[in-house]
């Protein structure tokens, strides 16, 4: 900014002489300077009081107008809360949350800001972890910069999100088994199990959030807002669990819903999302096996497996980044379980050390475990989220070597398709960088992009779930959301954990 000097008439030294005399007088009489300073401060105080009174009167007038007219109220700027001391959820005075509150506090805001905080977008973490170039950026725009998978990957993500948009229910959720009821050309395949509505809704929201769409910003902000509102209505107000506990695998739904709620709160700062996100974290604490990980039992019965433990740990790490209260021992005990399940060659087992991953029980012969290292991928990503660095971790390098031997391959006849494995493997290999990532990416991109359905029918933009071992459970919503997340690997990690 330019520095402006006092304006004086050319050739007139009177002003200079006066200022010199004034300065000499002030030096001789310090009480005069004190008097001038006192009156200046007094003027500022009185002026501020007058301004505050005027502003207060104006605010009351605006508030009165809003109360008498049907005016859409735009929420305040997002607030990022500082981490607080742990709070017992039983002691929180929690009035009933109405739909009107959700609508007003999650109302989209016309705001040109990027939806992701700048501190979450730096590439320092990936550089330290050896991920190397490419990726980064704020959502869809970031996909077009820095080689984040190329134009085909960007188009595949866009088409996939559009499919999810077209198949969201008016209530805000994604219907796992009846997603096509409102379609003009309903599909005859791709139904999942109705018990997983909470889980696939969380997964779909993560796909939107990963591309930079929040409840405040982005093309699909209304989809995100409706999905979050529905999840809030599904949360048990006593213990914080998202969804009913009627299915054996309800903990998967809770983990995905919590991760989505935490990430949505982190990216938007919407105050209404803080409590359901925190309550979801509290339930994760309640559900864990003491000194170990997580399993399907609630209350816990002393068992754990790597698959659900991984999802729970990722939710807790995201909660830490969002400034929510987490139990440090839950993360350390969960990681101890991951280490226990990993053998001397870097392979992580499901429920026993170094064993092959679990596959679909009814069709395990069609999807042989020999084509998957899904639990090893989960274990490696847990280590990365916990701060291990590939160049300093022999276990990470050995695990990544195992993944490199089982690259993604679309072969329906041999049963080697596993979207769950490809998702975790992509995030691990992206962080490993170098030859690990290059070989994985070369296999992963065509396997996913080339098999996204591109016909003019209702299935356009989705992926066929019937070729995957978990497709009969999650259905087409699951297969589409998780493959979108896989293609978002170039930038989504920064959204969630970039500030670590």
Protein backbone atom coordinates (compact mmCIF):
# COMPACT_ATOMS: atom_id res chain seq x y z
CA UNK A 1 0.00 0.00 0.00
CA UNK A 2 1.33 3.47 -0.83
CA UNK A 3 2.37 5.82 1.99
CA UNK A 4 0.70 9.23 1.69
CA UNK A 5 2.58 12.38 2.93
CA UNK A 6 0.87 15.54 4.16
CA UNK A 7 -0.17 17.87 1.32
CA UNK A 8 1.73 21.18 1.30
CA UNK A 9 1.75 24.20 -0.99
CA UNK A 10 4.85 24.42 -3.22
CA UNK A 11 7.45 26.88 -1.98
CA UNK A 12 5.74 27.45 1.36
CA UNK A 13 7.90 26.67 4.44
CA UNK A 14 5.33 27.89 6.97
CA UNK A 15 3.91 24.42 7.44
CA UNK A 16 7.33 22.92 8.11
CA UNK A 17 8.22 25.68 10.62
CA UNK A 18 4.92 25.21 12.44
CA UNK A 19 5.35 21.44 12.75
CA UNK A 20 8.92 21.85 14.06
CA UNK A 21 7.77 24.37 16.66
CA UNK A 22 4.90 22.08 17.70
CA UNK A 23 7.25 19.12 18.15
CA UNK A 24 9.63 21.22 20.25
CA UNK A 25 6.75 22.41 22.42
CA UNK A 26 5.55 18.84 22.94
CA UNK A 27 9.01 17.73 23.95
CA UNK A 28 9.19 20.59 26.47
CA UNK A 29 5.68 19.92 27.78
CA UNK A 30 4.97 16.15 27.95
CA UNK A 31 1.68 16.84 29.76
CA UNK A 32 0.36 18.29 26.49
CA UNK A 33 1.05 15.03 24.66
CA UNK A 34 -0.66 13.08 27.42
CA UNK A 35 -3.69 15.35 27.17
CA UNK A 36 -3.92 14.92 23.42
CA UNK A 37 -3.64 11.10 23.73
CA UNK A 38 -6.29 11.01 26.46
CA UNK A 39 -8.78 13.03 24.41
CA UNK A 40 -8.10 10.87 21.35
CA UNK A 41 -8.85 7.68 23.32
CA UNK A 42 -11.96 9.28 24.83
CA UNK A 43 -13.19 10.19 21.35
CA UNK A 44 -12.72 6.62 20.10
CA UNK A 45 -14.56 5.13 23.09
CA UNK A 46 -17.54 7.47 22.71
CA UNK A 47 -17.63 6.89 18.97
CA UNK A 48 -17.60 3.11 19.47
CA UNK A 49 -20.45 3.33 22.00
CA UNK A 50 -22.54 5.34 19.57
CA UNK A 51 -21.75 2.88 16.74
CA UNK A 52 -22.52 -0.17 18.93
CA UNK A 53 -25.85 1.33 19.99
CA UNK A 54 -26.73 2.10 16.39
CA UNK A 55 -25.67 -1.37 15.24
CA UNK A 56 -27.64 -3.04 18.05
CA UNK A 57 -30.76 -1.08 17.15
CA UNK A 58 -30.31 -1.99 13.49
CA UNK A 59 -29.82 -5.70 14.36
CA UNK A 60 -33.02 -5.71 16.45
CA UNK A 61 -34.88 -4.10 13.57
CA UNK A 62 -33.61 -6.75 11.13
CA UNK A 63 -34.48 -9.55 13.56
CA UNK A 64 -38.01 -8.19 13.99
CA UNK A 65 -38.41 -8.09 10.23
CA UNK A 66 -37.25 -11.70 9.89
CA UNK A 67 -39.71 -12.82 12.54
CA UNK A 68 -42.65 -11.24 10.75
CA UNK A 69 -41.81 -12.21 7.18
CA UNK A 70 -41.11 -15.51 5.45
CA UNK A 71 -37.47 -14.86 4.74
CA UNK A 72 -34.78 -17.47 4.05
CA UNK A 73 -32.12 -17.11 6.75
CA UNK A 74 -28.56 -17.68 5.59
CA UNK A 75 -26.39 -19.28 8.30
CA UNK A 76 -23.30 -17.64 9.65
CA UNK A 77 -19.83 -18.41 8.36
CA UNK A 78 -18.65 -21.95 9.23
CA UNK A 79 -16.99 -22.20 12.62
CA UNK A 80 -14.09 -24.56 13.22
CA UNK A 81 -14.18 -25.44 16.89
CA UNK A 82 -11.15 -25.89 19.03
CA UNK A 83 -10.75 -29.30 20.61
CA UNK A 84 -12.51 -29.43 23.95
CA UNK A 85 -12.08 -31.58 27.02
CA UNK A 86 -13.97 -34.89 26.78
CA UNK A 87 -17.64 -34.50 27.55
CA UNK A 88 -19.93 -37.16 28.87
CA UNK A 89 -22.79 -37.33 26.31
CA UNK A 90 -25.18 -38.23 29.08
CA UNK A 91 -24.67 -34.77 30.63
CA UNK A 92 -25.32 -32.73 27.48
CA UNK A 93 -28.57 -30.79 27.41
CA UNK A 94 -29.75 -31.82 23.96
CA UNK A 95 -33.12 -30.45 22.83
CA UNK A 96 -34.96 -32.24 20.07
CA UNK A 97 -33.56 -31.41 16.63
CA UNK A 98 -36.32 -30.45 14.20
CA UNK A 99 -36.25 -30.62 10.42
CA UNK A 100 -36.59 -26.83 10.34
CA UNK A 101 -33.33 -26.52 12.28
CA UNK A 102 -31.59 -28.89 9.90
CA UNK A 103 -32.87 -27.00 6.88
CA UNK A 104 -31.81 -23.62 8.23
CA UNK A 105 -28.39 -24.62 9.53
CA UNK A 106 -27.49 -26.77 6.54
CA UNK A 107 -28.99 -24.39 3.99
CA UNK A 108 -26.72 -23.97 0.95
CA UNK A 109 -24.83 -20.68 0.93
CA UNK A 110 -23.91 -18.85 -2.27
CA UNK A 111 -20.27 -18.50 -1.39
CA UNK A 112 -17.40 -18.36 -3.90
CA UNK A 113 -14.94 -19.85 -1.45
CA UNK A 114 -13.39 -23.24 -2.12
CA UNK A 115 -15.19 -25.82 0.03
CA UNK A 116 -11.97 -27.22 1.47
CA UNK A 117 -9.84 -25.35 4.01
CA UNK A 118 -6.43 -24.43 2.67
CA UNK A 119 -4.60 -26.25 5.46
CA UNK A 120 -6.25 -29.48 4.33
CA UNK A 121 -5.09 -29.05 0.77
CA UNK A 122 -1.30 -28.95 1.17
CA UNK A 123 0.75 -31.70 -0.37
CA UNK A 124 3.33 -31.86 2.43
CA UNK A 125 1.95 -35.12 3.83
CA UNK A 126 2.05 -36.92 0.49
CA UNK A 127 5.52 -35.60 -0.22
CA UNK A 128 6.74 -36.93 3.12
CA UNK A 129 5.08 -40.27 2.50
CA UNK A 130 6.61 -40.53 -0.95
CA UNK A 131 3.38 -40.24 -2.95
CA UNK A 132 4.95 -38.00 -5.54
CA UNK A 133 3.31 -35.70 -8.06
CA UNK A 134 -0.20 -35.47 -9.37
CA UNK A 135 -3.48 -34.86 -7.69
CA UNK A 136 -4.30 -32.23 -5.14
CA UNK A 137 -6.69 -29.38 -5.56
CA UNK A 138 -10.15 -28.57 -4.36
CA UNK A 139 -12.59 -31.13 -5.63
CA UNK A 140 -13.59 -31.29 -9.29
CA UNK A 141 -11.30 -28.42 -10.28
CA UNK A 142 -8.41 -30.27 -8.69
CA UNK A 143 -9.10 -33.30 -10.86
CA UNK A 144 -8.30 -31.25 -13.93
CA UNK A 145 -4.98 -30.06 -12.52
CA UNK A 146 -1.82 -31.98 -11.88
CA UNK A 147 -2.70 -35.22 -13.64
CA UNK A 148 -5.17 -36.56 -11.11
CA UNK A 149 -6.04 -39.64 -13.13
CA UNK A 150 -6.62 -37.76 -16.37
CA UNK A 151 -9.76 -36.65 -18.17
CA UNK A 152 -11.25 -40.15 -18.28
CA UNK A 153 -11.06 -40.56 -14.51
CA UNK A 154 -12.60 -37.12 -14.01
CA UNK A 155 -15.44 -37.97 -16.38
CA UNK A 156 -16.02 -41.31 -14.67
CA UNK A 157 -16.33 -39.58 -11.28
CA UNK A 158 -18.74 -37.02 -12.73
CA UNK A 159 -20.92 -39.70 -14.33
CA UNK A 160 -20.88 -41.78 -11.15
CA UNK A 161 -21.94 -38.85 -8.97
CA UNK A 162 -24.70 -38.07 -11.45
CA UNK A 163 -25.97 -41.65 -11.13
CA UNK A 164 -26.01 -41.33 -7.33
CA UNK A 165 -27.81 -38.00 -7.66
CA UNK A 166 -30.53 -39.56 -9.83
CA UNK A 167 -31.06 -42.42 -7.39
CA UNK A 168 -31.24 -40.58 -4.08
CA UNK A 169 -34.59 -40.91 -2.35
CA UNK A 170 -36.61 -37.80 -1.60
CA UNK A 171 -36.02 -38.45 2.12
CA UNK A 172 -32.28 -38.12 1.52
CA UNK A 173 -31.06 -41.71 1.79
CA UNK A 174 -29.94 -44.23 -0.82
CA UNK A 175 -32.11 -47.31 -0.88
CA UNK A 176 -29.84 -50.34 -1.01
CA UNK A 177 -32.39 -52.80 -2.40
CA UNK A 178 -34.96 -50.52 -4.04
CA UNK A 179 -32.80 -47.75 -5.48
CA UNK A 180 -34.55 -47.83 -8.84
CA UNK A 181 -38.19 -47.47 -7.79
CA UNK A 182 -38.45 -43.93 -9.18
CA UNK A 183 -36.57 -44.70 -12.36
CA UNK A 184 -38.16 -44.38 -15.79
CA UNK A 185 -36.22 -47.45 -16.94
CA UNK A 186 -35.76 -49.60 -13.84
CA UNK A 187 -32.93 -52.08 -13.67
CA UNK A 188 -33.56 -55.74 -13.12
CA UNK A 189 -30.31 -56.34 -11.27
CA UNK A 190 -28.05 -54.73 -8.72
CA UNK A 191 -30.22 -54.93 -5.62
CA UNK A 192 -28.50 -55.10 -2.26
CA UNK A 193 -29.80 -55.83 1.22
CA UNK A 194 -32.18 -53.35 2.86
CA UNK A 195 -30.33 -53.63 6.17
CA UNK A 196 -27.42 -51.68 4.64
CA UNK A 197 -29.26 -48.43 3.82
CA UNK A 198 -27.34 -46.50 6.50
CA UNK A 199 -24.00 -47.83 5.30
CA UNK A 200 -24.48 -47.16 1.58
CA UNK A 201 -25.88 -43.71 2.38
CA UNK A 202 -22.68 -42.95 4.28
CA UNK A 203 -20.61 -44.33 1.41
CA UNK A 204 -22.50 -42.24 -1.17
CA UNK A 205 -22.03 -39.10 0.94
CA UNK A 206 -18.30 -39.80 1.19
CA UNK A 207 -18.14 -39.96 -2.61
CA UNK A 208 -19.73 -36.49 -2.88
CA UNK A 209 -17.60 -35.06 -0.08
CA UNK A 210 -14.46 -36.52 -1.62
CA UNK A 211 -15.12 -34.53 -4.79
CA UNK A 212 -15.53 -31.28 -2.85
CA UNK A 213 -19.33 -31.15 -2.61
CA UNK A 214 -20.51 -30.16 0.88
CA UNK A 215 -23.81 -29.02 2.36
CA UNK A 216 -22.75 -25.47 1.50
CA UNK A 217 -20.82 -25.70 -1.75
CA UNK A 218 -20.79 -27.60 -4.99
CA UNK A 219 -23.27 -28.77 -7.58
CA UNK A 220 -24.59 -31.52 -5.31
CA UNK A 221 -24.82 -29.54 -2.08
CA UNK A 222 -28.55 -30.26 -1.73
CA UNK A 223 -27.92 -34.00 -2.11
CA UNK A 224 -25.34 -33.83 0.66
CA UNK A 225 -27.61 -31.79 2.91
CA UNK A 226 -30.53 -34.20 2.49
CA UNK A 227 -28.32 -37.22 3.10
CA UNK A 228 -26.90 -35.76 6.30
CA UNK A 229 -30.35 -34.81 7.51
CA UNK A 230 -31.57 -38.38 7.00
CA UNK A 231 -28.59 -39.83 8.87
CA UNK A 232 -29.32 -37.53 11.81
CA UNK A 233 -32.87 -38.89 11.97
CA UNK A 234 -31.46 -42.45 12.07
CA UNK A 235 -29.16 -41.86 15.04
CA UNK A 236 -30.03 -43.32 18.43
CA UNK A 237 -30.20 -40.34 20.76
CA UNK A 238 -29.20 -42.43 23.74
CA UNK A 239 -26.01 -44.14 22.59
CA UNK A 240 -25.18 -42.36 19.30
CA UNK A 241 -25.46 -45.38 17.00
CA UNK A 242 -26.46 -44.62 13.41
CA UNK A 243 -29.17 -47.06 12.35
CA UNK A 244 -30.86 -50.01 14.00
CA UNK A 245 -28.84 -52.80 15.61
CA UNK A 246 -31.00 -55.43 13.99
CA UNK A 247 -28.43 -56.81 11.52
CA UNK A 248 -25.26 -58.70 12.46
CA UNK A 249 -23.09 -56.20 10.54
CA UNK A 250 -24.76 -52.97 11.71
CA UNK A 251 -21.37 -51.69 12.91
CA UNK A 252 -20.28 -51.26 9.28
CA UNK A 253 -23.19 -48.93 8.66
CA UNK A 254 -22.38 -46.99 11.80
CA UNK A 255 -18.69 -46.64 10.90
CA UNK A 256 -19.46 -45.33 7.40
CA UNK A 257 -22.18 -42.97 8.64
CA UNK A 258 -19.88 -41.61 11.35
CA UNK A 259 -17.03 -41.11 8.89
CA UNK A 260 -19.36 -39.23 6.53
CA UNK A 261 -20.78 -37.07 9.35
CA UNK A 262 -17.33 -36.27 10.72
CA UNK A 263 -15.93 -35.39 7.31
CA UNK A 264 -18.99 -33.25 6.51
CA UNK A 265 -18.58 -31.38 9.79
CA UNK A 266 -14.87 -30.92 9.20
CA UNK A 267 -15.30 -29.54 5.69
CA UNK A 268 -18.32 -27.29 6.33
CA UNK A 269 -18.05 -26.38 10.00
CA UNK A 270 -21.87 -26.46 10.23
CA UNK A 271 -22.57 -26.31 14.01
CA UNK A 272 -25.52 -28.69 13.76
CA UNK A 273 -23.25 -31.50 12.57
CA UNK A 274 -20.92 -31.38 15.55
CA UNK A 275 -23.14 -33.23 17.99
CA UNK A 276 -24.18 -36.16 15.74
CA UNK A 277 -20.55 -36.52 14.65
CA UNK A 278 -19.35 -36.52 18.26
CA UNK A 279 -22.07 -38.93 19.34
CA UNK A 280 -21.09 -41.27 16.51
CA UNK A 281 -17.53 -41.22 17.83
CA UNK A 282 -18.76 -41.92 21.36
CA UNK A 283 -20.53 -45.05 20.12
CA UNK A 284 -17.32 -46.22 18.44
CA UNK A 285 -15.63 -45.93 21.83
CA UNK A 286 -18.43 -47.89 23.49
CA UNK A 287 -18.38 -50.66 20.89
CA UNK A 288 -14.67 -51.51 20.94
CA UNK A 289 -13.23 -54.55 22.61
CA UNK A 290 -11.03 -53.40 25.50
CA UNK A 291 -7.31 -53.42 24.56
CA UNK A 292 -8.17 -54.57 21.05
CA UNK A 293 -10.23 -53.66 17.99
CA UNK A 294 -13.87 -54.01 16.94
CA UNK A 295 -16.23 -56.78 15.90
CA UNK A 296 -20.00 -57.08 15.38
CA UNK A 297 -20.94 -57.44 19.04
CA UNK A 298 -22.56 -54.69 21.10
CA UNK A 299 -21.87 -54.63 23.94
CA UNK A 300 -18.48 -56.04 22.87
CA UNK A 301 -17.75 -59.67 23.70
CA UNK A 302 -13.97 -59.67 23.38
CA UNK A 303 -13.64 -60.35 19.65
CA UNK A 304 -12.24 -58.23 16.79
CA UNK A 305 -11.53 -58.37 13.06
CA UNK A 306 -9.34 -56.20 10.85
CA UNK A 307 -12.05 -55.16 8.38
CA UNK A 308 -14.38 -53.32 10.78
CA UNK A 309 -11.44 -52.22 12.93
CA UNK A 310 -10.02 -50.41 9.91
CA UNK A 311 -13.22 -48.43 9.27
CA UNK A 312 -13.46 -47.50 12.96
CA UNK A 313 -9.85 -46.31 13.08
CA UNK A 314 -10.31 -44.16 9.98
CA UNK A 315 -13.38 -42.55 11.55
CA UNK A 316 -11.41 -41.81 14.75
CA UNK A 317 -8.50 -40.32 12.84
CA UNK A 318 -10.89 -38.11 10.87
CA UNK A 319 -12.55 -37.07 14.15
CA UNK A 320 -9.16 -36.03 15.52
CA UNK A 321 -8.59 -33.87 12.46
CA UNK A 322 -12.04 -32.30 12.92
CA UNK A 323 -11.26 -31.32 16.52
CA UNK A 324 -13.71 -33.79 18.07
CA UNK A 325 -13.07 -35.66 21.32
CA UNK A 326 -11.44 -39.05 20.83
CA UNK A 327 -10.06 -41.65 23.18
CA UNK A 328 -6.36 -41.98 22.37
CA UNK A 329 -6.29 -45.50 23.79
CA UNK A 330 -8.95 -46.60 21.27
CA UNK A 331 -6.58 -45.76 18.42
CA UNK A 332 -3.48 -47.20 20.10
CA UNK A 333 -5.29 -50.42 21.08
CA UNK A 334 -6.78 -50.75 17.60
CA UNK A 335 -3.34 -50.33 16.06
CA UNK A 336 -1.93 -52.92 18.46
CA UNK A 337 -4.52 -55.35 17.09
CA UNK A 338 -3.51 -54.50 13.50
CA UNK A 339 0.12 -55.18 14.34
CA UNK A 340 -0.83 -58.45 16.02
CA UNK A 341 -2.70 -59.59 12.89
CA UNK A 342 0.30 -58.91 10.61
CA UNK A 343 2.85 -61.65 10.05
CA UNK A 344 6.58 -61.58 9.29
CA UNK A 345 6.10 -61.13 5.52
CA UNK A 346 3.74 -58.15 5.90
CA UNK A 347 0.40 -59.94 5.35
CA UNK A 348 -2.45 -58.86 7.64
CA UNK A 349 -5.10 -61.45 8.46
CA UNK A 350 -8.81 -61.04 9.03
CA UNK A 351 -9.28 -62.55 12.50
CA UNK A 352 -6.04 -64.51 12.74
CA UNK A 353 -2.48 -63.48 12.04
CA UNK A 354 -1.46 -63.53 8.39
CA UNK A 355 -4.51 -65.40 7.06
CA UNK A 356 -6.20 -64.81 3.72
CA UNK A 357 -9.10 -62.31 3.64
CA UNK A 358 -12.70 -63.25 4.21
CA UNK A 359 -14.79 -63.46 1.04
CA UNK A 360 -18.48 -63.97 0.44
CA UNK A 361 -19.45 -67.10 2.38
CA UNK A 362 -22.04 -68.33 -0.11
CA UNK A 363 -19.86 -67.82 -3.17
CA UNK A 364 -16.30 -68.10 -1.91
CA UNK A 365 -15.53 -70.68 -4.59
CA UNK A 366 -16.41 -68.11 -7.26
CA UNK A 367 -14.24 -65.40 -5.64
CA UNK A 368 -11.08 -67.20 -4.48
CA UNK A 369 -9.17 -65.42 -1.72
CA UNK A 370 -5.95 -65.90 -3.69
CA UNK A 371 -6.85 -62.87 -5.82
CA UNK A 372 -7.17 -60.45 -2.92
CA UNK A 373 -4.96 -58.84 -0.28
CA UNK A 374 -7.77 -56.72 1.10
CA UNK A 375 -6.88 -57.14 4.78
CA UNK A 376 -3.22 -56.41 4.05
CA UNK A 377 -4.36 -53.21 2.32
CA UNK A 378 -6.50 -52.25 5.34
CA UNK A 379 -3.58 -52.90 7.68
CA UNK A 380 -1.18 -50.83 5.58
CA UNK A 381 -3.56 -47.88 5.33
CA UNK A 382 -4.11 -47.98 9.10
CA UNK A 383 -0.35 -47.73 9.55
CA UNK A 384 -0.15 -44.78 7.17
CA UNK A 385 -2.98 -42.95 8.94
CA UNK A 386 -1.18 -43.65 12.21
CA UNK A 387 1.93 -41.86 10.96
CA UNK A 388 4.19 -44.61 9.63
CA UNK A 389 6.33 -43.54 6.67
CA UNK A 390 7.04 -45.99 3.82
CA UNK A 391 10.76 -45.21 3.71
CA UNK A 392 11.06 -46.03 7.41
CA UNK A 393 8.63 -48.96 7.70
CA UNK A 394 9.65 -52.39 6.57
CA UNK A 395 6.15 -53.73 7.33
CA UNK A 396 4.63 -51.16 4.97
CA UNK A 397 7.06 -52.01 2.19
CA UNK A 398 6.45 -55.73 2.56
CA UNK A 399 2.69 -55.23 2.59
CA UNK A 400 2.82 -53.04 -0.50
CA UNK A 401 4.93 -55.67 -2.24
CA UNK A 402 2.17 -58.20 -1.59
CA UNK A 403 -0.40 -55.83 -3.08
CA UNK A 404 1.80 -55.32 -6.14
CA UNK A 405 1.63 -59.05 -6.82
CA UNK A 406 -2.18 -58.91 -6.94
CA UNK A 407 -2.99 -55.91 -9.09
CA UNK A 408 -6.58 -55.01 -10.07
CA UNK A 409 -7.86 -57.06 -12.98
CA UNK A 410 -11.38 -57.20 -14.39
CA UNK A 411 -11.87 -60.90 -15.04
CA UNK A 412 -15.37 -62.08 -14.21
CA UNK A 413 -14.63 -65.69 -15.12
CA UNK A 414 -11.80 -66.06 -12.60
CA UNK A 415 -13.57 -64.08 -9.86
CA UNK A 416 -10.67 -61.71 -9.21
CA UNK A 417 -12.81 -58.54 -9.07
CA UNK A 418 -12.93 -57.02 -5.59
CA UNK A 419 -13.95 -53.35 -5.37
CA UNK A 420 -13.31 -53.28 -1.61
CA UNK A 421 -9.74 -54.45 -2.12
CA UNK A 422 -9.16 -52.07 -5.03
CA UNK A 423 -10.35 -49.12 -2.94
CA UNK A 424 -8.01 -49.80 -0.02
CA UNK A 425 -5.15 -50.85 -2.27
CA UNK A 426 -5.40 -47.64 -4.29
CA UNK A 427 -5.09 -45.44 -1.20
CA UNK A 428 -2.12 -47.44 0.08
CA UNK A 429 -0.24 -47.47 -3.22
CA UNK A 430 -0.93 -43.77 -3.83
CA UNK A 431 0.84 -43.05 -0.55
CA UNK A 432 3.65 -45.46 -1.33
CA UNK A 433 4.35 -43.71 -4.64
CA UNK A 434 7.13 -44.73 -6.99
CA UNK A 435 6.94 -48.09 -8.74
CA UNK A 436 4.28 -49.35 -6.36
CA UNK A 437 1.84 -46.63 -7.39
CA UNK A 438 2.81 -46.66 -11.07
CA UNK A 439 2.13 -50.37 -11.46
CA UNK A 440 -1.07 -50.24 -9.41
CA UNK A 441 -2.43 -47.20 -11.25
CA UNK A 442 -1.69 -48.73 -14.64
CA UNK A 443 -3.84 -51.72 -13.71
CA UNK A 444 -6.49 -49.93 -11.63
CA UNK A 445 -7.60 -47.17 -13.99
CA UNK A 446 -8.66 -49.33 -16.98
CA UNK A 447 -10.14 -51.99 -14.70
CA UNK A 448 -12.54 -49.44 -13.22
CA UNK A 449 -13.04 -46.80 -15.92
CA UNK A 450 -13.44 -49.17 -18.85
CA UNK A 451 -16.20 -51.09 -17.07
CA UNK A 452 -18.36 -48.20 -15.93
CA UNK A 453 -21.68 -48.61 -17.71
CA UNK A 454 -22.14 -45.97 -20.41
CA UNK A 455 -25.38 -46.96 -22.12
CA UNK A 456 -28.27 -44.53 -22.43
CA UNK A 457 -30.33 -46.44 -19.89
CA UNK A 458 -30.81 -46.04 -16.17
CA UNK A 459 -27.53 -47.77 -15.36
CA UNK A 460 -25.38 -45.12 -17.06
CA UNK A 461 -22.58 -44.04 -14.73
CA UNK A 462 -22.86 -47.03 -12.39
CA UNK A 463 -20.92 -50.26 -11.97
CA UNK A 464 -22.35 -53.75 -12.01
CA UNK A 465 -22.34 -55.11 -8.43
CA UNK A 466 -22.93 -58.72 -9.43
CA UNK A 467 -19.29 -59.25 -10.40
CA UNK A 468 -18.07 -58.38 -6.89
CA UNK A 469 -18.12 -60.64 -3.80
CA UNK A 470 -19.92 -58.00 -1.73
CA UNK A 471 -22.29 -56.81 -4.44
CA UNK A 472 -25.24 -58.85 -3.22
CA UNK A 473 -25.04 -57.02 0.12
CA UNK A 474 -24.31 -53.46 -0.97
CA UNK A 475 -25.91 -53.52 -4.40
CA UNK A 476 -25.41 -51.00 -7.17
CA UNK A 477 -25.21 -48.05 -4.78
CA UNK A 478 -22.26 -49.68 -3.04
CA UNK A 479 -20.41 -50.64 -6.22
CA UNK A 480 -20.85 -47.17 -7.71
CA UNK A 481 -19.91 -45.20 -4.58
CA UNK A 482 -16.81 -47.25 -3.73
CA UNK A 483 -15.47 -47.09 -7.29
CA UNK A 484 -15.96 -43.31 -7.30
CA UNK A 485 -13.99 -43.16 -4.05
CA UNK A 486 -11.28 -45.27 -5.64
CA UNK A 487 -10.93 -42.80 -8.53
CA UNK A 488 -10.85 -39.89 -6.05
CA UNK A 489 -7.64 -41.22 -4.53
CA UNK A 490 -5.66 -38.41 -6.17
CA UNK A 491 -7.23 -35.72 -4.00
CA UNK A 492 -9.59 -37.15 -1.40
CA UNK A 493 -6.82 -38.11 1.03
CA UNK A 494 -5.81 -34.46 1.28
CA UNK A 495 -9.40 -33.51 2.13
CA UNK A 496 -9.48 -35.81 5.12
CA UNK A 497 -5.96 -36.06 6.45
CA UNK A 498 -3.96 -33.41 4.60
CA UNK A 499 -3.08 -31.46 7.72
CA UNK A 500 -1.38 -34.35 9.48
